Amino acid sequence: MSDHDLLQSLVARIDVLEQREKQLIYASNAYQAILTTLLGTLDKETRDKVISMVDQAHDIAYARANLEQKGNILGADDITQRIFLFAQGRAAQSKK
């Protein structure tokens, strides 16, 4: 393969990866909106119980994970905590 062919192949692969990244972002945003809405509609006791169960599941998964998986779990945990905080704030506002 010539340098030009290799460059074209690389550019094509980058385009595919960028499209996949966009799809993952869209899916992540959709799940965040769904979870936030669901949690925001629950009463405080039920919402707190669900949040506690998810936190426990994260702790168990982290304890059993290898190093690479631990990084993924920590990243997911950051997102989950933002969802919980938003849902708790949203629920508090809707109860006023």
C-alpha atoms as a PDB file:
ATOM      1  CA  MET A   1       0.000   0.000   0.000  1.00  0.00           C
ATOM      2  CA  SER A   2       1.181   3.466  -0.760  1.00  0.00           C
ATOM      3  CA  ASP A   3       1.324   6.209   1.842  1.00  0.00           C
ATOM      4  CA  HIS A   4      -1.719   7.805   0.232  1.00  0.00           C
ATOM      5  CA  ASP A   5      -3.689   4.565   0.497  1.00  0.00           C
ATOM      6  CA  LEU A   6      -2.669   4.143   4.129  1.00  0.00           C
ATOM      7  CA  LEU A   7      -3.698   7.710   4.885  1.00  0.00           C
ATOM      8  CA  GLN A   8      -7.081   7.206   3.224  1.00  0.00           C
ATOM      9  CA  SER A   9      -7.611   3.998   5.185  1.00  0.00           C
ATOM     10  CA  LEU A  10      -6.716   5.736   8.432  1.00  0.00           C
ATOM     11  CA  VAL A  11      -9.041   8.663   7.707  1.00  0.00           C
ATOM     12  CA  ALA A  12     -11.874   6.227   6.952  1.00  0.00           C
ATOM     13  CA  ARG A  13     -11.288   4.412  10.245  1.00  0.00           C
ATOM     14  CA  ILE A  14     -11.262   7.712  12.137  1.00  0.00           C
ATOM     15  CA  ASP A  15     -14.581   8.663  10.531  1.00  0.00           C
ATOM     16  CA  VAL A  16     -16.111   5.345  11.639  1.00  0.00           C
ATOM     17  CA  LEU A  17     -14.823   5.841  15.189  1.00  0.00           C
ATOM     18  CA  GLU A  18     -16.175   9.383  15.321  1.00  0.00           C
ATOM     19  CA  GLN A  19     -19.606   8.178  14.186  1.00  0.00           C
ATOM     20  CA  ARG A  20     -19.547   5.453  16.836  1.00  0.00           C
ATOM     21  CA  GLU A  21     -18.608   8.010  19.477  1.00  0.00           C
ATOM     22  CA  LYS A  22     -21.586  10.172  18.462  1.00  0.00           C
ATOM     23  CA  GLN A  23     -23.915   7.170  18.713  1.00  0.00           C
ATOM     24  CA  LEU A  24     -22.616   6.350  22.185  1.00  0.00           C
ATOM     25  CA  ILE A  25     -23.059   9.946  23.315  1.00  0.00           C
ATOM     26  CA  TYR A  26     -26.636  10.010  22.007  1.00  0.00           C
ATOM     27  CA  ALA A  27     -27.428   6.730  23.764  1.00  0.00           C
ATOM     28  CA  SER A  28     -25.810   7.904  26.995  1.00  0.00           C
ATOM     29  CA  ASN A  29     -27.748  11.174  26.946  1.00  0.00           C
ATOM     30  CA  ALA A  30     -31.002   9.312  26.314  1.00  0.00           C
ATOM     31  CA  TYR A  31     -30.410   6.913  29.205  1.00  0.00           C
ATOM     32  CA  GLN A  32     -29.468   9.789  31.493  1.00  0.00           C
ATOM     33  CA  ALA A  33     -32.673  11.636  30.620  1.00  0.00           C
ATOM     34  CA  ILE A  34     -34.789   8.516  31.147  1.00  0.00           C
ATOM     35  CA  LEU A  35     -33.190   7.624  34.475  1.00  0.00           C
ATOM     36  CA  THR A  36     -33.328  11.179  35.729  1.00  0.00           C
ATOM     37  CA  THR A  37     -37.003  11.438  34.833  1.00  0.00           C
ATOM     38  CA  LEU A  38     -37.845   8.110  36.445  1.00  0.00           C
ATOM     39  CA  LEU A  39     -35.949   8.898  39.629  1.00  0.00           C
ATOM     40  CA  GLY A  40     -37.420  12.379  39.758  1.00  0.00           C
ATOM     41  CA  THR A  41     -40.968  11.006  39.778  1.00  0.00           C
ATOM     42  CA  LEU A  42     -40.391   8.643  42.708  1.00  0.00           C
ATOM     43  CA  ASP A  43     -41.142   9.548  46.289  1.00  0.00           C
ATOM     44  CA  LYS A  44     -38.056  10.397  48.344  1.00  0.00           C
ATOM     45  CA  GLU A  45     -37.958   7.114  50.266  1.00  0.00           C
ATOM     46  CA  THR A  46     -38.162   4.946  47.141  1.00  0.00           C
ATOM     47  CA  ARG A  47     -35.693   7.133  45.240  1.00  0.00           C
ATOM     48  CA  ASP A  48     -33.193   6.978  48.107  1.00  0.00           C
ATOM     49  CA  LYS A  49     -33.580   3.194  48.252  1.00  0.00           C
ATOM     50  CA  VAL A  50     -32.929   2.841  44.503  1.00  0.00           C
ATOM     51  CA  ILE A  51     -29.886   5.121  44.744  1.00  0.00           C
ATOM     52  CA  SER A  52     -28.559   3.111  47.677  1.00  0.00           C
ATOM     53  CA  MET A  53     -28.988  -0.169  45.784  1.00  0.00           C
ATOM     54  CA  VAL A  54     -27.162   1.197  42.737  1.00  0.00           C
ATOM     55  CA  ASP A  55     -24.342   2.502  44.956  1.00  0.00           C
ATOM     56  CA  GLN A  56     -24.031  -0.947  46.535  1.00  0.00           C
ATOM     57  CA  ALA A  57     -23.946  -2.587  43.105  1.00  0.00           C
ATOM     58  CA  HIS A  58     -21.153  -0.231  42.036  1.00  0.00           C
ATOM     59  CA  ASP A  59     -19.185  -1.065  45.183  1.00  0.00           C
ATOM     60  CA  ILE A  60     -19.564  -4.811  44.598  1.00  0.00           C
ATOM     61  CA  ALA A  61     -18.623  -4.527  40.927  1.00  0.00           C
ATOM     62  CA  TYR A  62     -15.595  -2.385  41.772  1.00  0.00           C
ATOM     63  CA  ALA A  63     -14.386  -4.849  44.400  1.00  0.00           C
ATOM     64  CA  ARG A  64     -14.546  -7.715  41.874  1.00  0.00           C
ATOM     65  CA  ALA A  65     -13.121  -5.818  38.890  1.00  0.00           C
ATOM     66  CA  ASN A  66      -9.685  -5.870  37.331  1.00  0.00           C
ATOM     67  CA  LEU A  67      -7.757  -2.634  36.815  1.00  0.00           C
ATOM     68  CA  GLU A  68      -9.265  -1.808  33.400  1.00  0.00           C
ATOM     69  CA  GLN A  69     -12.789  -2.546  34.607  1.00  0.00           C
ATOM     70  CA  LYS A  70     -12.243  -0.396  37.700  1.00  0.00           C
ATOM     71  CA  GLY A  71     -11.570   2.608  35.464  1.00  0.00           C
ATOM     72  CA  ASN A  72     -14.785   1.961  33.556  1.00  0.00           C
ATOM     73  CA  ILE A  73     -16.748   1.563  36.776  1.00  0.00           C
ATOM     74  CA  LEU A  74     -15.375   4.817  38.176  1.00  0.00           C
ATOM     75  CA  GLY A  75     -16.358   6.631  34.979  1.00  0.00           C
ATOM     76  CA  ALA A  76     -19.854   5.154  35.117  1.00  0.00           C
ATOM     77  CA  ASP A  77     -20.074   6.022  38.806  1.00  0.00           C
ATOM     78  CA  ASP A  78     -19.336   9.697  38.051  1.00  0.00           C
ATOM     79  CA  ILE A  79     -22.169   9.780  35.525  1.00  0.00           C
ATOM     80  CA  THR A  80     -24.512   7.938  37.861  1.00  0.00           C
ATOM     81  CA  GLN A  81     -23.821  10.335  40.705  1.00  0.00           C
ATOM     82  CA  ARG A  82     -24.628  13.308  38.445  1.00  0.00           C
ATOM     83  CA  ILE A  83     -27.918  11.636  37.477  1.00  0.00           C
ATOM     84  CA  PHE A  84     -28.763  11.037  41.148  1.00  0.00           C
ATOM     85  CA  LEU A  85     -27.925  14.580  42.173  1.00  0.00           C
ATOM     86  CA  PHE A  86     -29.976  16.033  39.341  1.00  0.00           C
ATOM     87  CA  ALA A  87     -32.923  13.720  40.066  1.00  0.00           C
ATOM     88  CA  GLN A  88     -32.820  14.595  43.754  1.00  0.00           C
ATOM     89  CA  GLY A  89     -32.749  18.318  42.996  1.00  0.00           C
ATOM     90  CA  ARG A  90     -35.466  18.005  40.389  1.00  0.00           C
ATOM     91  CA  ALA A  91     -37.642  15.973  42.728  1.00  0.00           C
ATOM     92  CA  ALA A  92     -37.140  18.523  45.510  1.00  0.00           C
ATOM     93  CA  GLN A  93     -38.186  21.327  43.169  1.00  0.00           C
ATOM     94  CA  SER A  94     -41.309  19.495  41.969  1.00  0.00           C
ATOM     95  CA  LYS A  95     -42.425  18.833  45.566  1.00  0.00           C
ATOM     96  CA  LYS A  96     -42.434  22.579  46.425  1.00  0.00           C
END
